[in-house]
Amino acid sequence: MSSSPYRRPPITEAVVELRFAAPIEAEQVEKIKDRLTDDYPVTPQMMQNISFIAAPGNQSSTQVWEEFTGCAKRNWAIWRKVVGWREVTRVGVRYINRIDVPNPTDSAVMIDKYLALQPVFPEFAGSQGVDTFFINGAMGIANSPFKLILNAGSTPSPMVRTTSFLLDIDISQEGNLPHSDDALWALIDEVRSLKNRVFEACITDSSRELFSS
């Protein structure tokens, strides 16, 4: 499937994280803080890892990724110029999605109509529909060095008469990582492509109709 098949993709946040084998010295972090763009303020966590974060708005997923990685690469180049090459021990790509389902009557929404995964609850006398739920799973991905952390559940909606579901996909590789910038960003692109396949496996045609309308 195309990397950007939807007019209104549900992504609310994209994150690329690079984790280092050893902490960066505080003096070097201080040197970096005035050089990075306002999108990436220096935080204490930067002594051990650096995270690039985007809040996409109404762009397509391809536009989000191209603009996001373009800015991230520029900031990574600034980082590298100051601290030099440091061994990277983990690369992660995380996409947080919110599926907004119009619900004018505020009635129960069937989870499996929009997500291909759902909790199973026992039936008993007096049981009613599920108000909230949350699923968490971590697993390896066959024939690859990647690990998937998947979270799904109900989430508050910012819109009235709407039921919203969270779909949080985090794919990473630890160890045996590239030692050049080009190879590192090629790996990040590969992880993002895998993320797209996981996303498609987690949603249904009803969700696809929402994103395409």
Protein backbone atom coordinates (compact mmCIF):
# COMPACT_ATOMS: atom_id res chain seq x y z
CA MET A 1 0.00 0.00 0.00
CA SER A 2 1.17 3.56 -0.68
CA SER A 3 3.02 5.29 2.15
CA SER A 4 0.44 8.08 2.11
CA PRO A 5 -2.94 6.71 1.01
CA TYR A 6 -5.10 8.94 3.22
CA ARG A 7 -6.36 12.52 3.01
CA ARG A 8 -6.63 12.79 6.80
CA PRO A 9 -4.12 10.44 8.44
CA PRO A 10 -4.75 10.00 12.19
CA ILE A 11 -1.18 10.68 13.33
CA THR A 12 -0.89 13.12 16.23
CA GLU A 13 2.85 12.76 16.97
CA ALA A 14 5.93 11.26 15.30
CA VAL A 15 9.16 10.57 17.19
CA VAL A 16 12.62 9.40 16.13
CA GLU A 17 14.90 8.55 19.06
CA LEU A 18 18.65 7.87 19.02
CA ARG A 19 20.09 6.44 22.22
CA PHE A 20 23.82 6.58 22.96
CA ALA A 21 26.13 4.05 24.58
CA ALA A 22 27.49 6.65 27.01
CA PRO A 23 26.14 9.96 28.31
CA ILE A 24 27.15 13.18 26.59
CA GLU A 25 29.17 15.55 28.76
CA ALA A 26 27.14 18.39 30.27
CA GLU A 27 29.52 20.98 28.78
CA GLN A 28 28.82 19.73 25.26
CA VAL A 29 25.07 19.65 25.83
CA GLU A 30 25.33 23.27 26.94
CA LYS A 31 27.11 24.15 23.69
CA ILE A 32 24.34 22.55 21.65
CA LYS A 33 21.36 24.24 23.27
CA ASP A 34 21.65 27.53 21.35
CA ARG A 35 22.26 25.85 18.01
CA LEU A 36 19.31 23.51 17.69
CA THR A 37 16.04 24.83 16.29
CA ASP A 38 13.25 25.81 18.64
CA ASP A 39 11.53 22.51 17.77
CA TYR A 40 14.17 20.62 19.76
CA PRO A 41 14.86 22.32 23.10
CA VAL A 42 17.73 20.81 25.06
CA THR A 43 16.58 18.67 27.99
CA PRO A 44 18.46 16.65 30.64
CA GLN A 45 17.57 13.48 28.71
CA MET A 46 19.80 14.64 25.86
CA MET A 47 22.82 13.55 27.87
CA GLN A 48 21.80 9.95 27.08
CA ASN A 49 19.59 10.21 24.00
CA ILE A 50 18.17 12.65 21.49
CA SER A 51 14.56 12.61 20.33
CA PHE A 52 13.16 14.41 17.31
CA ILE A 53 9.42 15.06 17.62
CA ALA A 54 6.81 16.33 15.16
CA ALA A 55 3.14 17.24 15.64
CA PRO A 56 1.87 16.93 12.06
CA GLY A 57 -1.39 18.88 11.84
CA ASN A 58 -3.35 18.25 8.64
CA GLN A 59 -0.52 17.07 6.41
CA SER A 60 -0.31 13.73 4.65
CA SER A 61 1.94 11.13 6.26
CA THR A 62 4.51 11.51 3.46
CA GLN A 63 4.64 15.29 3.90
CA VAL A 64 5.00 14.83 7.64
CA TRP A 65 7.86 12.37 7.24
CA GLU A 66 9.76 14.37 4.61
CA GLU A 67 9.57 17.65 6.56
CA PHE A 68 10.19 15.92 9.87
CA THR A 69 13.27 13.98 8.77
CA GLY A 70 14.63 16.97 6.87
CA CYS A 71 14.58 19.06 10.05
CA ALA A 72 15.80 16.15 12.18
CA LYS A 73 18.78 15.54 9.89
CA ARG A 74 19.77 19.21 10.07
CA ASN A 75 19.66 19.13 13.85
CA TRP A 76 21.49 15.81 13.95
CA ALA A 77 24.25 17.38 11.83
CA ILE A 78 24.53 20.23 14.36
CA TRP A 79 24.65 17.70 17.18
CA ARG A 80 27.37 15.68 15.45
CA LYS A 81 29.45 18.78 14.72
CA VAL A 82 29.58 19.61 18.42
CA VAL A 83 29.91 16.17 20.05
CA GLY A 84 31.38 14.13 17.19
CA TRP A 85 30.37 10.57 16.41
CA ARG A 86 29.01 8.65 19.38
CA GLU A 87 28.04 5.01 19.36
CA VAL A 88 24.27 4.64 18.94
CA THR A 89 22.83 1.66 20.83
CA ARG A 90 19.15 2.07 19.97
CA VAL A 91 17.15 3.58 17.11
CA GLY A 92 13.40 3.93 17.50
CA VAL A 93 10.54 5.27 15.40
CA ARG A 94 7.24 5.92 17.15
CA TYR A 95 3.93 7.07 15.67
CA ILE A 96 1.03 7.99 17.94
CA ASN A 97 -2.34 7.91 16.18
CA ARG A 98 -5.82 8.94 17.31
CA ILE A 99 -8.76 7.44 15.44
CA ASP A 100 -11.74 9.79 15.79
CA VAL A 101 -15.11 8.13 15.20
CA PRO A 102 -18.15 10.43 14.83
CA ASN A 103 -20.71 9.42 17.44
CA PRO A 104 -23.69 11.84 17.36
CA THR A 105 -25.75 9.76 19.80
CA ASP A 106 -22.89 9.09 22.27
CA SER A 107 -23.68 5.39 22.01
CA ALA A 108 -21.30 2.46 22.40
CA VAL A 109 -18.90 2.03 19.47
CA MET A 110 -17.80 -1.45 18.50
CA ILE A 111 -14.04 -1.61 18.91
CA ASP A 112 -13.53 -4.26 16.23
CA LYS A 113 -15.21 -2.06 13.65
CA TYR A 114 -12.18 0.23 13.70
CA LEU A 115 -9.31 -1.79 15.18
CA ALA A 116 -8.13 -5.26 14.23
CA LEU A 117 -7.18 -5.91 17.86
CA GLN A 118 -9.41 -5.71 20.91
CA PRO A 119 -9.67 -7.04 24.47
CA VAL A 120 -11.84 -10.04 25.23
CA PHE A 121 -13.98 -9.78 28.36
CA PRO A 122 -16.01 -12.53 30.01
CA GLU A 123 -19.77 -12.41 29.68
CA PHE A 124 -21.80 -12.42 32.86
CA ALA A 125 -25.27 -11.45 34.01
CA GLY A 126 -25.66 -7.68 33.95
CA SER A 127 -22.53 -6.99 31.87
CA GLN A 128 -22.74 -4.02 29.52
CA GLY A 129 -20.60 -2.49 26.81
CA VAL A 130 -16.97 -1.55 27.50
CA ASP A 131 -16.48 2.09 28.51
CA THR A 132 -12.67 2.15 28.34
CA PHE A 133 -9.92 -0.32 27.52
CA PHE A 134 -6.15 -0.50 27.03
CA ILE A 135 -3.95 -3.10 25.36
CA ASN A 136 -0.14 -3.28 25.58
CA GLY A 137 2.10 -5.77 23.83
CA ALA A 138 5.80 -6.14 23.08
CA MET A 139 7.13 -8.59 20.53
CA GLY A 140 9.98 -9.32 18.17
CA ILE A 141 9.40 -9.15 14.42
CA ALA A 142 10.25 -12.35 12.56
CA ASN A 143 13.35 -12.41 10.33
CA SER A 144 14.43 -8.94 11.44
CA PRO A 145 16.35 -7.27 14.29
CA PHE A 146 13.36 -5.09 15.16
CA LYS A 147 11.15 -5.03 18.25
CA LEU A 148 7.57 -3.74 18.28
CA ILE A 149 5.79 -2.15 21.24
CA LEU A 150 2.11 -1.72 20.50
CA ASN A 151 -0.41 0.19 22.62
CA ALA A 152 -4.09 0.58 21.78
CA GLY A 153 -7.05 1.78 23.78
CA SER A 154 -9.73 4.32 24.35
CA THR A 155 -8.60 7.93 24.71
CA PRO A 156 -10.37 11.23 25.44
CA SER A 157 -11.55 12.98 22.30
CA PRO A 158 -10.96 16.70 21.78
CA MET A 159 -14.21 16.85 19.79
CA VAL A 160 -17.82 16.61 20.92
CA ARG A 161 -19.97 13.66 19.87
CA THR A 162 -16.84 11.68 19.01
CA THR A 163 -15.35 8.44 20.29
CA SER A 164 -11.58 8.19 19.94
CA PHE A 165 -9.15 5.27 19.96
CA LEU A 166 -5.39 5.38 20.52
CA LEU A 167 -3.01 3.40 18.30
CA ASP A 168 0.60 3.84 19.41
CA ILE A 169 3.28 2.03 17.38
CA ASP A 170 6.93 2.01 18.51
CA ILE A 171 9.48 0.03 16.48
CA SER A 172 13.15 -0.10 17.44
CA GLN A 173 16.46 -1.83 16.91
CA GLU A 174 19.06 -2.24 19.63
CA GLY A 175 22.66 -3.15 18.86
CA ASN A 176 24.44 -3.82 15.57
CA LEU A 177 23.63 -0.33 14.32
CA PRO A 178 25.26 1.62 11.44
CA HIS A 179 28.33 3.76 11.97
CA SER A 180 27.63 6.35 9.28
CA ASP A 181 24.95 9.04 9.08
CA ASP A 182 23.65 7.90 5.68
CA ALA A 183 23.28 4.31 6.81
CA LEU A 184 21.67 5.40 10.07
CA TRP A 185 18.96 7.44 8.31
CA ALA A 186 18.45 4.65 5.77
CA LEU A 187 17.74 2.35 8.72
CA ILE A 188 15.29 4.89 10.15
CA ASP A 189 13.48 4.97 6.77
CA GLU A 190 13.31 1.17 6.83
CA VAL A 191 11.79 1.22 10.32
CA ARG A 192 9.23 3.76 9.19
CA SER A 193 8.21 1.52 6.26
CA LEU A 194 7.75 -1.37 8.67
CA LYS A 195 5.68 0.91 10.90
CA ASN A 196 3.35 1.55 7.96
CA ARG A 197 2.78 -2.18 7.49
CA VAL A 198 2.04 -2.65 11.19
CA PHE A 199 -0.38 0.28 11.11
CA GLU A 200 -2.30 -1.19 8.18
CA ALA A 201 -2.50 -4.56 9.93
CA CYS A 202 -4.03 -2.90 13.02
CA ILE A 203 -6.87 -1.00 11.36
CA THR A 204 -10.02 -1.95 9.45
CA ASP A 205 -11.74 -0.72 6.30
CA SER A 206 -14.04 1.41 8.44
CA SER A 207 -11.02 3.27 9.79
CA ARG A 208 -9.60 3.64 6.28
CA GLU A 209 -12.87 5.24 5.19
CA LEU A 210 -12.58 7.77 8.04
CA PHE A 211 -9.04 8.71 7.02
CA SER A 212 -10.00 8.99 3.34
CA SER A 213 -13.15 11.11 3.68
